């Protein structure tokens, strides 16, 4: 009887921990950048090059981009 009660308590603890962990990660923003590099090919010196990257939030909460460092 003690083994069954112990298993029930153990199962309940695992269930509770899983629920808490899933609630912590629910409602999080998630950044998706499909293209992380771009090859400009040949470029003469002193020319200005630019390229736009798609940045998408695939999470369920607002994504705040606060500090961008080109590099």
PDB file of N, CA and C in Angstrom:
ATOM      1  N   UNK A   1       0.824  -1.193   0.000  1.00  0.00           N
ATOM      2  CA  UNK A   1       0.000   0.000   0.000  1.00  0.00           C
ATOM      3  C   UNK A   1       0.871   1.262   0.000  1.00  0.00           C
ATOM      4  N   UNK A   2       1.996   1.216   0.765  1.00  0.00           N
ATOM      5  CA  UNK A   2       2.872   2.377   0.823  1.00  0.00           C
ATOM      6  C   UNK A   2       3.533   2.628  -0.527  1.00  0.00           C
ATOM      7  N   UNK A   3       3.836   1.544  -1.267  1.00  0.00           N
ATOM      8  CA  UNK A   3       4.453   1.699  -2.583  1.00  0.00           C
ATOM      9  C   UNK A   3       3.489   2.373  -3.560  1.00  0.00           C
ATOM     10  N   UNK A   4       2.220   1.971  -3.504  1.00  0.00           N
ATOM     11  CA  UNK A   4       1.225   2.565  -4.397  1.00  0.00           C
ATOM     12  C   UNK A   4       1.049   4.041  -4.065  1.00  0.00           C
ATOM     13  N   UNK A   5       0.970   4.380  -2.803  1.00  0.00           N
ATOM     14  CA  UNK A   5       0.819   5.775  -2.400  1.00  0.00           C
ATOM     15  C   UNK A   5       2.051   6.583  -2.811  1.00  0.00           C
ATOM     16  N   UNK A   6       3.213   5.996  -2.672  1.00  0.00           N
ATOM     17  CA  UNK A   6       4.443   6.673  -3.086  1.00  0.00           C
ATOM     18  C   UNK A   6       4.481   6.921  -4.586  1.00  0.00           C
ATOM     19  N   UNK A   7       4.032   5.935  -5.367  1.00  0.00           N
ATOM     20  CA  UNK A   7       3.992   6.097  -6.818  1.00  0.00           C
ATOM     21  C   UNK A   7       2.982   7.171  -7.235  1.00  0.00           C
ATOM     22  N   UNK A   8       1.852   7.208  -6.550  1.00  0.00           N
ATOM     23  CA  UNK A   8       0.846   8.230  -6.853  1.00  0.00           C
ATOM     24  C   UNK A   8       1.404   9.622  -6.558  1.00  0.00           C
ATOM     25  N   UNK A   9       2.082   9.772  -5.429  1.00  0.00           N
ATOM     26  CA  UNK A   9       2.677  11.062  -5.069  1.00  0.00           C
ATOM     27  C   UNK A   9       3.764  11.430  -6.078  1.00  0.00           C
ATOM     28  N   UNK A  10       4.583  10.478  -6.472  1.00  0.00           N
ATOM     29  CA  UNK A  10       5.640  10.722  -7.442  1.00  0.00           C
ATOM     30  C   UNK A  10       5.056  11.139  -8.794  1.00  0.00           C
ATOM     31  N   UNK A  11       4.027  10.444  -9.237  1.00  0.00           N
ATOM     32  CA  UNK A  11       3.368  10.786 -10.493  1.00  0.00           C
ATOM     33  C   UNK A  11       2.793  12.193 -10.423  1.00  0.00           C
ATOM     34  N   UNK A  12       2.160  12.518  -9.315  1.00  0.00           N
ATOM     35  CA  UNK A  12       1.576  13.854  -9.138  1.00  0.00           C
ATOM     36  C   UNK A  12       2.657  14.938  -9.189  1.00  0.00           C
ATOM     37  N   UNK A  13       3.813  14.666  -8.576  1.00  0.00           N
ATOM     38  CA  UNK A  13       4.916  15.637  -8.585  1.00  0.00           C
ATOM     39  C   UNK A  13       5.427  15.861 -10.007  1.00  0.00           C
ATOM     40  N   UNK A  14       5.586  14.778 -10.791  1.00  0.00           N
ATOM     41  CA  UNK A  14       6.020  14.918 -12.175  1.00  0.00           C
ATOM     42  C   UNK A  14       4.988  15.686 -13.001  1.00  0.00           C
ATOM     43  N   UNK A  15       3.729  15.400 -12.781  1.00  0.00           N
ATOM     44  CA  UNK A  15       2.662  16.105 -13.498  1.00  0.00           C
ATOM     45  C   UNK A  15       2.668  17.588 -13.151  1.00  0.00           C
ATOM     46  N   UNK A  16       2.792  17.892 -11.881  1.00  0.00           N
ATOM     47  CA  UNK A  16       2.805  19.279 -11.428  1.00  0.00           C
ATOM     48  C   UNK A  16       4.026  20.021 -11.977  1.00  0.00           C
ATOM     49  N   UNK A  17       5.188  19.396 -11.962  1.00  0.00           N
ATOM     50  CA  UNK A  17       6.410  20.022 -12.482  1.00  0.00           C
ATOM     51  C   UNK A  17       6.277  20.282 -13.985  1.00  0.00           C
ATOM     52  N   UNK A  18       5.743  19.333 -14.713  1.00  0.00           N
ATOM     53  CA  UNK A  18       5.547  19.517 -16.154  1.00  0.00           C
ATOM     54  C   UNK A  18       4.589  20.646 -16.464  1.00  0.00           C
ATOM     55  N   UNK A  19       3.526  20.750 -15.703  1.00  0.00           N
ATOM     56  CA  UNK A  19       2.554  21.830 -15.889  1.00  0.00           C
ATOM     57  C   UNK A  19       3.187  23.179 -15.594  1.00  0.00           C
ATOM     58  N   UNK A  20       3.959  23.263 -14.525  1.00  0.00           N
ATOM     59  CA  UNK A  20       4.609  24.530 -14.173  1.00  0.00           C
ATOM     60  C   UNK A  20       5.622  24.941 -15.225  1.00  0.00           C
ATOM     61  N   UNK A  21       6.401  23.996 -15.720  1.00  0.00           N
ATOM     62  CA  UNK A  21       7.404  24.302 -16.739  1.00  0.00           C
ATOM     63  C   UNK A  21       6.734  24.764 -18.032  1.00  0.00           C
ATOM     64  N   UNK A  22       5.670  24.107 -18.444  1.00  0.00           N
ATOM     65  CA  UNK A  22       4.996  24.510 -19.677  1.00  0.00           C
ATOM     66  C   UNK A  22       4.353  25.885 -19.526  1.00  0.00           C
ATOM     67  N   UNK A  23       3.865  26.230 -18.341  1.00  0.00           N
ATOM     68  CA  UNK A  23       3.285  27.553 -18.120  1.00  0.00           C
ATOM     69  C   UNK A  23       4.344  28.640 -18.116  1.00  0.00           C
ATOM     70  N   UNK A  24       5.550  28.320 -17.684  1.00  0.00           N
ATOM     71  CA  UNK A  24       6.636  29.302 -17.682  1.00  0.00           C
ATOM     72  C   UNK A  24       7.001  29.669 -19.110  1.00  0.00           C
ATOM     73  N   UNK A  25       7.048  28.684 -20.023  1.00  0.00           N
ATOM     74  CA  UNK A  25       7.458  28.942 -21.391  1.00  0.00           C
ATOM     75  C   UNK A  25       6.301  29.369 -22.288  1.00  0.00           C
ATOM     76  N   UNK A  26       5.087  29.276 -21.835  1.00  0.00           N
ATOM     77  CA  UNK A  26       3.943  29.730 -22.624  1.00  0.00           C
ATOM     78  C   UNK A  26       3.933  31.252 -22.622  1.00  0.00           C
ATOM     79  N   UNK A  27       3.549  31.834 -23.714  1.00  0.00           N
ATOM     80  CA  UNK A  27       3.473  33.277 -23.796  1.00  0.00           C
ATOM     81  C   UNK A  27       4.820  33.950 -23.957  1.00  0.00           C
ATOM     82  N   UNK A  28       5.793  33.257 -24.514  1.00  0.00           N
ATOM     83  CA  UNK A  28       7.121  33.817 -24.719  1.00  0.00           C
ATOM     84  C   UNK A  28       7.269  34.291 -26.166  1.00  0.00           C
ATOM     85  N   UNK A  29       8.006  35.385 -26.387  1.00  0.00           N
ATOM     86  CA  UNK A  29       8.331  35.737 -27.770  1.00  0.00           C
ATOM     87  C   UNK A  29       9.404  34.801 -28.302  1.00  0.00           C
ATOM     88  N   UNK A  30       9.416  34.594 -29.599  1.00  0.00           N
ATOM     89  CA  UNK A  30      10.424  33.735 -30.210  1.00  0.00           C
ATOM     90  C   UNK A  30      10.829  34.349 -31.544  1.00  0.00           C
ATOM     91  N   UNK A  31      12.117  34.653 -31.679  1.00  0.00           N
ATOM     92  CA  UNK A  31      12.634  35.305 -32.863  1.00  0.00           C
ATOM     93  C   UNK A  31      12.999  34.273 -33.924  1.00  0.00           C
ATOM     94  N   UNK A  32      12.567  34.522 -35.155  1.00  0.00           N
ATOM     95  CA  UNK A  32      12.907  33.663 -36.285  1.00  0.00           C
ATOM     96  C   UNK A  32      13.550  34.528 -37.361  1.00  0.00           C
ATOM     97  N   UNK A  33      14.779  34.181 -37.745  1.00  0.00           N
ATOM     98  CA  UNK A  33      15.492  34.852 -38.834  1.00  0.00           C
ATOM     99  C   UNK A  33      15.870  33.756 -39.834  1.00  0.00           C
ATOM    100  N   UNK A  34      15.063  33.570 -40.889  1.00  0.00           N
ATOM    101  CA  UNK A  34      15.317  32.468 -41.821  1.00  0.00           C
ATOM    102  C   UNK A  34      16.649  32.590 -42.557  1.00  0.00           C
ATOM    103  N   UNK A  35      17.048  33.798 -42.912  1.00  0.00           N
ATOM    104  CA  UNK A  35      18.286  34.011 -43.658  1.00  0.00           C
ATOM    105  C   UNK A  35      19.274  34.737 -42.744  1.00  0.00           C
ATOM    106  N   UNK A  36      20.357  34.073 -42.359  1.00  0.00           N
ATOM    107  CA  UNK A  36      21.297  34.675 -41.411  1.00  0.00           C
ATOM    108  C   UNK A  36      22.559  35.210 -42.075  1.00  0.00           C
ATOM    109  N   UNK A  37      22.722  34.984 -43.366  1.00  0.00           N
ATOM    110  CA  UNK A  37      23.873  35.549 -44.082  1.00  0.00           C
ATOM    111  C   UNK A  37      23.461  35.813 -45.534  1.00  0.00           C
ATOM    112  N   UNK A  38      24.213  36.703 -46.169  1.00  0.00           N
ATOM    113  CA  UNK A  38      23.924  37.059 -47.556  1.00  0.00           C
ATOM    114  C   UNK A  38      25.243  37.305 -48.273  1.00  0.00           C
ATOM    115  N   UNK A  39      25.415  36.741 -49.461  1.00  0.00           N
ATOM    116  CA  UNK A  39      26.632  36.912 -50.246  1.00  0.00           C
ATOM    117  C   UNK A  39      26.381  37.979 -51.312  1.00  0.00           C
ATOM    118  N   UNK A  40      27.068  39.103 -51.188  1.00  0.00           N
ATOM    119  CA  UNK A  40      26.924  40.176 -52.165  1.00  0.00           C
ATOM    120  C   UNK A  40      27.711  39.899 -53.439  1.00  0.00           C
ATOM    121  N   UNK A  41      28.572  38.922 -53.421  1.00  0.00           N
ATOM    122  CA  UNK A  41      29.399  38.657 -54.593  1.00  0.00           C
ATOM    123  C   UNK A  41      30.482  39.716 -54.716  1.00  0.00           C
ATOM    124  N   UNK A  42      30.875  40.038 -55.927  1.00  0.00           N
ATOM    125  CA  UNK A  42      31.908  41.048 -56.142  1.00  0.00           C
ATOM    126  C   UNK A  42      31.332  42.441 -55.888  1.00  0.00           C
ATOM    127  N   UNK A  43      32.065  43.244 -55.154  1.00  0.00           N
ATOM    128  CA  UNK A  43      31.658  44.629 -54.899  1.00  0.00           C
ATOM    129  C   UNK A  43      32.887  45.518 -55.007  1.00  0.00           C
ATOM    130  N   UNK A  44      32.833  46.541 -55.852  1.00  0.00           N
ATOM    131  CA  UNK A  44      33.974  47.440 -55.959  1.00  0.00           C
ATOM    132  C   UNK A  44      34.199  48.201 -54.650  1.00  0.00           C
ATOM    133  N   UNK A  45      35.430  48.685 -54.478  1.00  0.00           N
ATOM    134  CA  UNK A  45      35.748  49.426 -53.253  1.00  0.00           C
ATOM    135  C   UNK A  45      34.934  50.711 -53.181  1.00  0.00           C
ATOM    136  N   UNK A  46      34.695  51.117 -51.960  1.00  0.00           N
ATOM    137  CA  UNK A  46      33.978  52.359 -51.640  1.00  0.00           C
ATOM    138  C   UNK A  46      32.551  52.390 -52.193  1.00  0.00           C
ATOM    139  N   UNK A  47      31.931  51.263 -52.340  1.00  0.00           N
ATOM    140  CA  UNK A  47      30.520  51.262 -52.717  1.00  0.00           C
ATOM    141  C   UNK A  47      29.694  50.908 -51.486  1.00  0.00           C
ATOM    142  N   UNK A  48      28.481  51.353 -51.451  1.00  0.00           N
ATOM    143  CA  UNK A  48      27.584  51.087 -50.328  1.00  0.00           C
ATOM    144  C   UNK A  48      26.717  49.884 -50.662  1.00  0.00           C
ATOM    145  N   UNK A  49      26.720  48.926 -49.777  1.00  0.00           N
ATOM    146  CA  UNK A  49      25.904  47.731 -49.958  1.00  0.00           C
ATOM    147  C   UNK A  49      24.870  47.658 -48.849  1.00  0.00           C
ATOM    148  N   UNK A  50      23.711  47.145 -49.166  1.00  0.00           N
ATOM    149  CA  UNK A  50      22.702  46.940 -48.130  1.00  0.00           C
ATOM    150  C   UNK A  50      21.879  45.710 -48.471  1.00  0.00           C
ATOM    151  N   UNK A  51      21.301  45.143 -47.461  1.00  0.00           N
ATOM    152  CA  UNK A  51      20.446  43.962 -47.626  1.00  0.00           C
ATOM    153  C   UNK A  51      19.450  43.950 -46.480  1.00  0.00           C
ATOM    154  N   UNK A  52      18.214  43.640 -46.753  1.00  0.00           N
ATOM    155  CA  UNK A  52      17.181  43.555 -45.722  1.00  0.00           C
ATOM    156  C   UNK A  52      17.019  42.112 -45.276  1.00  0.00           C
ATOM    157  N   UNK A  53      16.925  41.927 -43.979  1.00  0.00           N
ATOM    158  CA  UNK A  53      16.688  40.607 -43.397  1.00  0.00           C
ATOM    159  C   UNK A  53      15.280  40.558 -42.825  1.00  0.00           C
ATOM    160  N   UNK A  54      14.610  39.454 -43.036  1.00  0.00           N
ATOM    161  CA  UNK A  54      13.296  39.235 -42.451  1.00  0.00           C
ATOM    162  C   UNK A  54      13.481  38.824 -40.994  1.00  0.00           C
ATOM    163  N   UNK A  55      12.836  39.538 -40.116  1.00  0.00           N
ATOM    164  CA  UNK A  55      12.851  39.218 -38.682  1.00  0.00           C
ATOM    165  C   UNK A  55      11.404  39.007 -38.288  1.00  0.00           C
ATOM    166  N   UNK A  56      11.100  37.831 -37.766  1.00  0.00           N
ATOM    167  CA  UNK A  56       9.708  37.491 -37.489  1.00  0.00           C
ATOM    168  C   UNK A  56       9.555  36.958 -36.075  1.00  0.00           C
ATOM    169  N   UNK A  57       8.506  37.373 -35.405  1.00  0.00           N
ATOM    170  CA  UNK A  57       8.161  36.845 -34.090  1.00  0.00           C
ATOM    171  C   UNK A  57       7.185  35.695 -34.285  1.00  0.00           C
ATOM    172  N   UNK A  58       7.611  34.482 -33.972  1.00  0.00           N
ATOM    173  CA  UNK A  58       6.734  33.320 -34.103  1.00  0.00           C
ATOM    174  C   UNK A  58       6.241  32.852 -32.741  1.00  0.00           C
ATOM    175  N   UNK A  59       6.515  33.633 -31.702  1.00  0.00           N
ATOM    176  CA  UNK A  59       6.046  33.315 -30.359  1.00  0.00           C
ATOM    177  C   UNK A  59       4.654  33.865 -30.148  1.00  0.00           C
ATOM    178  N   UNK A  60       4.201  33.787 -28.917  1.00  0.00           N
ATOM    179  CA  UNK A  60       2.844  34.219 -28.601  1.00  0.00           C
ATOM    180  C   UNK A  60       2.805  35.518 -27.811  1.00  0.00           C
ATOM    181  N   UNK A  61       3.954  36.109 -27.510  1.00  0.00           N
ATOM    182  CA  UNK A  61       4.002  37.371 -26.782  1.00  0.00           C
ATOM    183  C   UNK A  61       4.728  38.403 -27.636  1.00  0.00           C
ATOM    184  N   UNK A  62       4.659  39.665 -27.251  1.00  0.00           N
ATOM    185  CA  UNK A  62       5.305  40.741 -27.996  1.00  0.00           C
ATOM    186  C   UNK A  62       6.820  40.601 -27.931  1.00  0.00           C
ATOM    187  N   UNK A  63       7.465  40.837 -29.059  1.00  0.00           N
ATOM    188  CA  UNK A  63       8.914  40.775 -29.158  1.00  0.00           C
ATOM    189  C   UNK A  63       9.447  42.198 -29.192  1.00  0.00           C
ATOM    190  N   UNK A  64      10.340  42.512 -28.267  1.00  0.00           N
ATOM    191  CA  UNK A  64      10.936  43.848 -28.206  1.00  0.00           C
ATOM    192  C   UNK A  64      12.400  43.737 -28.629  1.00  0.00           C
ATOM    193  N   UNK A  65      12.756  44.460 -29.692  1.00  0.00           N
ATOM    194  CA  UNK A  65      14.137  44.527 -30.138  1.00  0.00           C
ATOM    195  C   UNK A  65      14.663  45.867 -29.655  1.00  0.00           C
ATOM    196  N   UNK A  66      15.519  45.834 -28.660  1.00  0.00           N
ATOM    197  CA  UNK A  66      15.933  47.066 -28.001  1.00  0.00           C
ATOM    198  C   UNK A  66      17.339  47.524 -28.347  1.00  0.00           C
ATOM    199  N   UNK A  67      18.209  46.633 -28.808  1.00  0.00           N
ATOM    200  CA  UNK A  67      19.578  47.015 -29.056  1.00  0.00           C
ATOM    201  C   UNK A  67      20.098  46.240 -30.264  1.00  0.00           C
ATOM    202  N   UNK A  68      20.418  46.955 -31.325  1.00  0.00           N
ATOM    203  CA  UNK A  68      20.910  46.323 -32.552  1.00  0.00           C
ATOM    204  C   UNK A  68      22.326  46.800 -32.797  1.00  0.00           C
ATOM    205  N   UNK A  69      23.227  45.863 -33.057  1.00  0.00           N
ATOM    206  CA  UNK A  69      24.617  46.193 -33.354  1.00  0.00           C
ATOM    207  C   UNK A  69      24.982  45.592 -34.707  1.00  0.00           C
ATOM    208  N   UNK A  70      25.153  46.419 -35.732  1.00  0.00           N
ATOM    209  CA  UNK A  70      25.576  45.868 -37.029  1.00  0.00           C
ATOM    210  C   UNK A  70      26.987  45.372 -36.946  1.00  0.00           C
ATOM    211  N   UNK A  71      27.277  44.399 -37.746  1.00  0.00           N
ATOM    212  CA  UNK A  71      28.623  43.946 -37.592  1.00  0.00           C
ATOM    213  C   UNK A  71      29.116  42.976 -38.540  1.00  0.00           C
TER     214      UNK A  71
END
